[in-house]
């Protein structure tokens, strides 16, 4: 499982946790999220996220 961070506001999508408020189940891989996903904090596109190193 990986984590992805919005480069604009810093919000983090954790694949292990998913994103319940966006209807994304825990364990959902970043690649499996729709390309029209937007950051729930600032509204930028999926393209504005970068994978971050974990631990």
C-alpha atoms as a PDB file:
ATOM      1  CA  UNK A   1       0.000   0.000   0.000  1.00  0.00           C
ATOM      2  CA  UNK A   2       1.227   3.468  -0.884  1.00  0.00           C
ATOM      3  CA  UNK A   3       0.376   7.045   0.012  1.00  0.00           C
ATOM      4  CA  UNK A   4      -0.194   9.914  -2.403  1.00  0.00           C
ATOM      5  CA  UNK A   5       0.079  13.590  -1.454  1.00  0.00           C
ATOM      6  CA  UNK A   6      -1.563  16.601  -3.071  1.00  0.00           C
ATOM      7  CA  UNK A   7       1.259  18.908  -4.142  1.00  0.00           C
ATOM      8  CA  UNK A   8      -0.978  21.956  -3.687  1.00  0.00           C
ATOM      9  CA  UNK A   9      -2.437  21.568  -0.184  1.00  0.00           C
ATOM     10  CA  UNK A  10      -0.671  18.526   1.290  1.00  0.00           C
ATOM     11  CA  UNK A  11      -3.765  16.288   1.729  1.00  0.00           C
ATOM     12  CA  UNK A  12      -2.738  12.620   1.733  1.00  0.00           C
ATOM     13  CA  UNK A  13      -4.553   9.682   0.173  1.00  0.00           C
ATOM     14  CA  UNK A  14      -3.569   6.450   1.920  1.00  0.00           C
ATOM     15  CA  UNK A  15      -4.408   3.379  -0.169  1.00  0.00           C
ATOM     16  CA  UNK A  16      -4.791   1.270   3.013  1.00  0.00           C
ATOM     17  CA  UNK A  17      -7.385   3.664   4.472  1.00  0.00           C
ATOM     18  CA  UNK A  18      -9.226   4.725   1.326  1.00  0.00           C
ATOM     19  CA  UNK A  19     -11.381   7.868   1.482  1.00  0.00           C
ATOM     20  CA  UNK A  20     -14.843   7.192   2.864  1.00  0.00           C
ATOM     21  CA  UNK A  21     -16.140  10.732   2.222  1.00  0.00           C
ATOM     22  CA  UNK A  22     -15.361  10.241  -1.485  1.00  0.00           C
ATOM     23  CA  UNK A  23     -16.772   6.703  -1.586  1.00  0.00           C
ATOM     24  CA  UNK A  24     -13.366   5.046  -1.975  1.00  0.00           C
ATOM     25  CA  UNK A  25     -13.071   1.779  -0.041  1.00  0.00           C
ATOM     26  CA  UNK A  26     -10.026   0.924   2.088  1.00  0.00           C
ATOM     27  CA  UNK A  27      -7.452  -0.991   0.054  1.00  0.00           C
ATOM     28  CA  UNK A  28      -8.240   0.844  -3.200  1.00  0.00           C
ATOM     29  CA  UNK A  29      -5.075   1.351  -5.251  1.00  0.00           C
ATOM     30  CA  UNK A  30      -4.389   4.827  -6.662  1.00  0.00           C
ATOM     31  CA  UNK A  31      -4.485   3.413 -10.210  1.00  0.00           C
ATOM     32  CA  UNK A  32      -8.027   2.153  -9.579  1.00  0.00           C
ATOM     33  CA  UNK A  33      -9.393   5.577  -8.677  1.00  0.00           C
ATOM     34  CA  UNK A  34     -11.199   7.406 -11.479  1.00  0.00           C
ATOM     35  CA  UNK A  35      -9.152   9.921 -13.469  1.00  0.00           C
ATOM     36  CA  UNK A  36     -11.747  12.591 -12.649  1.00  0.00           C
ATOM     37  CA  UNK A  37     -10.963  12.333  -8.912  1.00  0.00           C
ATOM     38  CA  UNK A  38     -10.261  15.717  -7.317  1.00  0.00           C
ATOM     39  CA  UNK A  39      -8.595  16.535  -4.009  1.00  0.00           C
ATOM     40  CA  UNK A  40     -11.314  16.778  -1.338  1.00  0.00           C
ATOM     41  CA  UNK A  41      -9.437  19.648   0.340  1.00  0.00           C
ATOM     42  CA  UNK A  42      -8.540  21.978  -2.529  1.00  0.00           C
ATOM     43  CA  UNK A  43     -10.161  20.558  -5.675  1.00  0.00           C
ATOM     44  CA  UNK A  44      -7.093  20.002  -7.876  1.00  0.00           C
ATOM     45  CA  UNK A  45      -6.949  17.014 -10.213  1.00  0.00           C
ATOM     46  CA  UNK A  46      -5.481  13.553  -9.662  1.00  0.00           C
ATOM     47  CA  UNK A  47      -2.500  14.664 -11.777  1.00  0.00           C
ATOM     48  CA  UNK A  48      -1.483  17.013  -8.941  1.00  0.00           C
ATOM     49  CA  UNK A  49      -0.633  14.153  -6.570  1.00  0.00           C
ATOM     50  CA  UNK A  50       2.762  12.557  -5.997  1.00  0.00           C
ATOM     51  CA  UNK A  51       3.603   9.259  -4.319  1.00  0.00           C
ATOM     52  CA  UNK A  52       5.356   9.802  -1.002  1.00  0.00           C
ATOM     53  CA  UNK A  53       7.819   7.601   0.841  1.00  0.00           C
ATOM     54  CA  UNK A  54       6.332   5.717   3.786  1.00  0.00           C
ATOM     55  CA  UNK A  55       8.393   5.095   6.923  1.00  0.00           C
END
